[in-house]
Amino acid sequence: MTRIRNAILGGAIVTALLASSSVAFAAGTPEQRRACSRDAIRFCAAEIPNVSRITSCMRTNFSKLSPACKEVMQKG
């Protein structure tokens, strides 16, 4: 049950990130989703469904993000 909940929550976060004006997530590639889904759930789950708050949260927590997520966020 927890896996399903996390998958749904992860999908919602990724969708919100993709809808944001953040250049790094504009394309919404599978690479970006793979790299940042766990970080978004870990640090920004409380911000769903507010896109601007999720984006701000990811930026605020940038130093804590996984190296892969940092890399895709810096691209663009």
N, C-alpha and C. Protein backbone atom coordinates (compact mmCIF):
# COMPACT_ATOMS: atom_id res chain seq x y z
N MET A 1 0.82 -1.18 0.00
CA MET A 1 0.00 0.00 0.00
C MET A 1 0.87 1.26 0.00
N THR A 2 1.95 1.21 0.75
CA THR A 2 2.84 2.35 0.81
C THR A 2 3.49 2.61 -0.54
N ARG A 3 3.85 1.55 -1.25
CA ARG A 3 4.46 1.71 -2.58
C ARG A 3 3.50 2.39 -3.56
N ILE A 4 2.25 1.98 -3.50
CA ILE A 4 1.25 2.57 -4.39
C ILE A 4 1.07 4.05 -4.05
N ARG A 5 0.96 4.35 -2.75
CA ARG A 5 0.80 5.73 -2.32
C ARG A 5 1.99 6.57 -2.76
N ASN A 6 3.19 6.06 -2.58
CA ASN A 6 4.40 6.78 -2.98
C ASN A 6 4.46 6.97 -4.49
N ALA A 7 4.03 5.98 -5.24
CA ALA A 7 4.02 6.09 -6.70
C ALA A 7 3.05 7.17 -7.15
N ILE A 8 1.88 7.20 -6.54
CA ILE A 8 0.89 8.23 -6.89
C ILE A 8 1.39 9.60 -6.48
N LEU A 9 1.94 9.70 -5.28
CA LEU A 9 2.48 10.96 -4.79
C LEU A 9 3.63 11.42 -5.68
N GLY A 10 4.51 10.51 -6.04
CA GLY A 10 5.62 10.83 -6.93
C GLY A 10 5.14 11.33 -8.28
N GLY A 11 4.13 10.69 -8.82
CA GLY A 11 3.56 11.13 -10.09
C GLY A 11 2.98 12.52 -9.99
N ALA A 12 2.31 12.81 -8.89
CA ALA A 12 1.73 14.14 -8.69
C ALA A 12 2.82 15.20 -8.58
N ILE A 13 3.88 14.88 -7.87
CA ILE A 13 4.97 15.84 -7.73
C ILE A 13 5.64 16.10 -9.07
N VAL A 14 5.93 15.04 -9.78
CA VAL A 14 6.58 15.19 -11.09
C VAL A 14 5.69 15.99 -12.02
N THR A 15 4.40 15.70 -12.01
CA THR A 15 3.47 16.46 -12.84
C THR A 15 3.51 17.94 -12.48
N ALA A 16 3.50 18.22 -11.19
CA ALA A 16 3.55 19.61 -10.75
C ALA A 16 4.86 20.27 -11.16
N LEU A 17 5.95 19.54 -11.03
CA LEU A 17 7.24 20.10 -11.44
C LEU A 17 7.29 20.37 -12.94
N LEU A 18 6.72 19.47 -13.70
CA LEU A 18 6.72 19.64 -15.15
C LEU A 18 5.85 20.81 -15.57
N ALA A 19 4.84 21.10 -14.80
CA ALA A 19 3.94 22.20 -15.13
C ALA A 19 4.53 23.54 -14.72
N SER A 20 5.56 23.52 -13.93
CA SER A 20 6.16 24.77 -13.46
C SER A 20 6.94 25.45 -14.58
N SER A 21 7.33 26.67 -14.31
CA SER A 21 8.08 27.42 -15.31
C SER A 21 9.58 27.13 -15.23
N SER A 22 9.96 26.22 -14.38
CA SER A 22 11.36 25.88 -14.22
C SER A 22 11.92 25.34 -15.53
N VAL A 23 12.96 25.96 -16.02
CA VAL A 23 13.57 25.55 -17.28
C VAL A 23 14.05 24.11 -17.22
N ALA A 24 14.59 23.70 -16.10
CA ALA A 24 15.14 22.35 -15.98
C ALA A 24 14.08 21.27 -16.17
N PHE A 25 12.83 21.59 -15.87
CA PHE A 25 11.79 20.60 -15.97
C PHE A 25 10.85 20.84 -17.13
N ALA A 26 11.15 21.81 -17.97
CA ALA A 26 10.24 22.17 -19.06
C ALA A 26 9.99 21.00 -20.00
N ALA A 27 11.03 20.24 -20.31
CA ALA A 27 10.88 19.13 -21.25
C ALA A 27 10.27 17.90 -20.58
N GLY A 28 10.52 17.73 -19.30
CA GLY A 28 9.95 16.60 -18.58
C GLY A 28 10.41 15.26 -19.10
N THR A 29 11.69 15.12 -19.32
CA THR A 29 12.21 13.87 -19.85
C THR A 29 12.15 12.76 -18.81
N PRO A 30 12.17 11.52 -19.26
CA PRO A 30 12.23 10.40 -18.31
C PRO A 30 13.45 10.51 -17.39
N GLU A 31 14.55 11.03 -17.91
CA GLU A 31 15.75 11.21 -17.10
C GLU A 31 15.47 12.15 -15.92
N GLN A 32 14.77 13.24 -16.17
CA GLN A 32 14.45 14.19 -15.11
C GLN A 32 13.52 13.56 -14.08
N ARG A 33 12.54 12.82 -14.53
CA ARG A 33 11.62 12.17 -13.59
C ARG A 33 12.36 11.15 -12.73
N ARG A 34 13.20 10.35 -13.36
CA ARG A 34 13.98 9.35 -12.60
C ARG A 34 14.90 10.01 -11.59
N ALA A 35 15.53 11.10 -12.00
CA ALA A 35 16.52 11.74 -11.15
C ALA A 35 15.92 12.46 -9.95
N CYS A 36 14.72 13.00 -10.08
CA CYS A 36 14.20 13.89 -9.04
C CYS A 36 12.96 13.41 -8.29
N SER A 37 12.33 12.36 -8.72
CA SER A 37 11.09 11.94 -8.05
C SER A 37 11.29 11.67 -6.56
N ARG A 38 12.29 10.91 -6.22
CA ARG A 38 12.52 10.60 -4.80
C ARG A 38 12.84 11.84 -3.99
N ASP A 39 13.65 12.73 -4.54
CA ASP A 39 13.98 13.97 -3.82
C ASP A 39 12.74 14.82 -3.62
N ALA A 40 11.91 14.90 -4.64
CA ALA A 40 10.68 15.69 -4.53
C ALA A 40 9.77 15.12 -3.45
N ILE A 41 9.65 13.81 -3.40
CA ILE A 41 8.83 13.19 -2.36
C ILE A 41 9.44 13.43 -0.99
N ARG A 42 10.72 13.27 -0.89
CA ARG A 42 11.40 13.40 0.39
C ARG A 42 11.31 14.82 0.95
N PHE A 43 11.56 15.81 0.12
CA PHE A 43 11.68 17.18 0.62
C PHE A 43 10.44 18.04 0.42
N CYS A 44 9.59 17.70 -0.54
CA CYS A 44 8.53 18.64 -0.92
C CYS A 44 7.12 18.06 -0.95
N ALA A 45 6.92 16.90 -0.39
CA ALA A 45 5.60 16.26 -0.43
C ALA A 45 4.51 17.15 0.18
N ALA A 46 4.84 17.89 1.18
CA ALA A 46 3.85 18.75 1.85
C ALA A 46 3.37 19.90 0.97
N GLU A 47 4.08 20.17 -0.11
CA GLU A 47 3.74 21.30 -0.97
C GLU A 47 2.76 20.95 -2.09
N ILE A 48 2.47 19.68 -2.27
CA ILE A 48 1.55 19.26 -3.32
C ILE A 48 0.15 19.76 -2.99
N PRO A 49 -0.59 20.31 -3.89
CA PRO A 49 -0.41 20.36 -5.34
C PRO A 49 0.06 21.73 -5.85
N ASN A 50 0.56 22.58 -4.97
CA ASN A 50 0.93 23.94 -5.34
C ASN A 50 2.25 23.95 -6.11
N VAL A 51 2.18 24.16 -7.41
CA VAL A 51 3.35 24.07 -8.29
C VAL A 51 4.43 25.06 -7.88
N SER A 52 4.07 26.29 -7.61
CA SER A 52 5.08 27.28 -7.26
C SER A 52 5.77 26.94 -5.94
N ARG A 53 5.03 26.37 -5.00
CA ARG A 53 5.63 25.98 -3.72
C ARG A 53 6.54 24.77 -3.88
N ILE A 54 6.18 23.84 -4.74
CA ILE A 54 7.04 22.68 -5.00
C ILE A 54 8.34 23.15 -5.64
N THR A 55 8.22 24.02 -6.63
CA THR A 55 9.41 24.54 -7.31
C THR A 55 10.30 25.27 -6.32
N SER A 56 9.71 26.10 -5.50
CA SER A 56 10.47 26.84 -4.48
C SER A 56 11.13 25.88 -3.50
N CYS A 57 10.40 24.87 -3.09
CA CYS A 57 10.93 23.87 -2.15
C CYS A 57 12.14 23.15 -2.74
N MET A 58 12.04 22.76 -4.00
CA MET A 58 13.18 22.08 -4.63
C MET A 58 14.39 22.99 -4.70
N ARG A 59 14.17 24.25 -4.99
CA ARG A 59 15.28 25.21 -5.04
C ARG A 59 15.87 25.42 -3.65
N THR A 60 14.99 25.54 -2.64
CA THR A 60 15.45 25.73 -1.26
C THR A 60 16.28 24.55 -0.78
N ASN A 61 15.90 23.38 -1.19
CA ASN A 61 16.59 22.16 -0.76
C ASN A 61 17.65 21.69 -1.74
N PHE A 62 18.04 22.54 -2.64
CA PHE A 62 18.98 22.15 -3.70
C PHE A 62 20.23 21.47 -3.15
N SER A 63 20.78 21.99 -2.06
CA SER A 63 22.02 21.41 -1.52
C SER A 63 21.82 19.99 -0.98
N LYS A 64 20.58 19.62 -0.69
CA LYS A 64 20.28 18.29 -0.16
C LYS A 64 19.90 17.29 -1.25
N LEU A 65 19.67 17.76 -2.46
CA LEU A 65 19.22 16.89 -3.54
C LEU A 65 20.30 15.91 -3.96
N SER A 66 19.89 14.82 -4.53
CA SER A 66 20.83 13.82 -5.03
C SER A 66 21.66 14.44 -6.16
N PRO A 67 22.86 13.95 -6.38
CA PRO A 67 23.68 14.48 -7.46
C PRO A 67 22.99 14.41 -8.83
N ALA A 68 22.26 13.34 -9.09
CA ALA A 68 21.58 13.20 -10.38
C ALA A 68 20.50 14.28 -10.55
N CYS A 69 19.75 14.55 -9.50
CA CYS A 69 18.70 15.57 -9.57
C CYS A 69 19.32 16.95 -9.74
N LYS A 70 20.38 17.23 -8.99
CA LYS A 70 21.07 18.52 -9.14
C LYS A 70 21.51 18.72 -10.58
N GLU A 71 22.05 17.67 -11.16
CA GLU A 71 22.54 17.77 -12.52
C GLU A 71 21.43 18.13 -13.52
N VAL A 72 20.30 17.43 -13.42
CA VAL A 72 19.22 17.73 -14.37
C VAL A 72 18.58 19.08 -14.10
N MET A 73 18.59 19.51 -12.84
CA MET A 73 18.03 20.82 -12.53
C MET A 73 18.92 21.93 -13.06
N GLN A 74 20.21 21.69 -13.13
CA GLN A 74 21.14 22.70 -13.62
C GLN A 74 21.19 22.77 -15.15
N LYS A 75 20.74 21.70 -15.80
CA LYS A 75 20.73 21.72 -17.27
C LYS A 75 19.71 22.74 -17.76
N GLY A 76 19.96 23.29 -18.90
CA GLY A 76 19.00 24.21 -19.47
C GLY A 76 19.48 25.60 -19.33
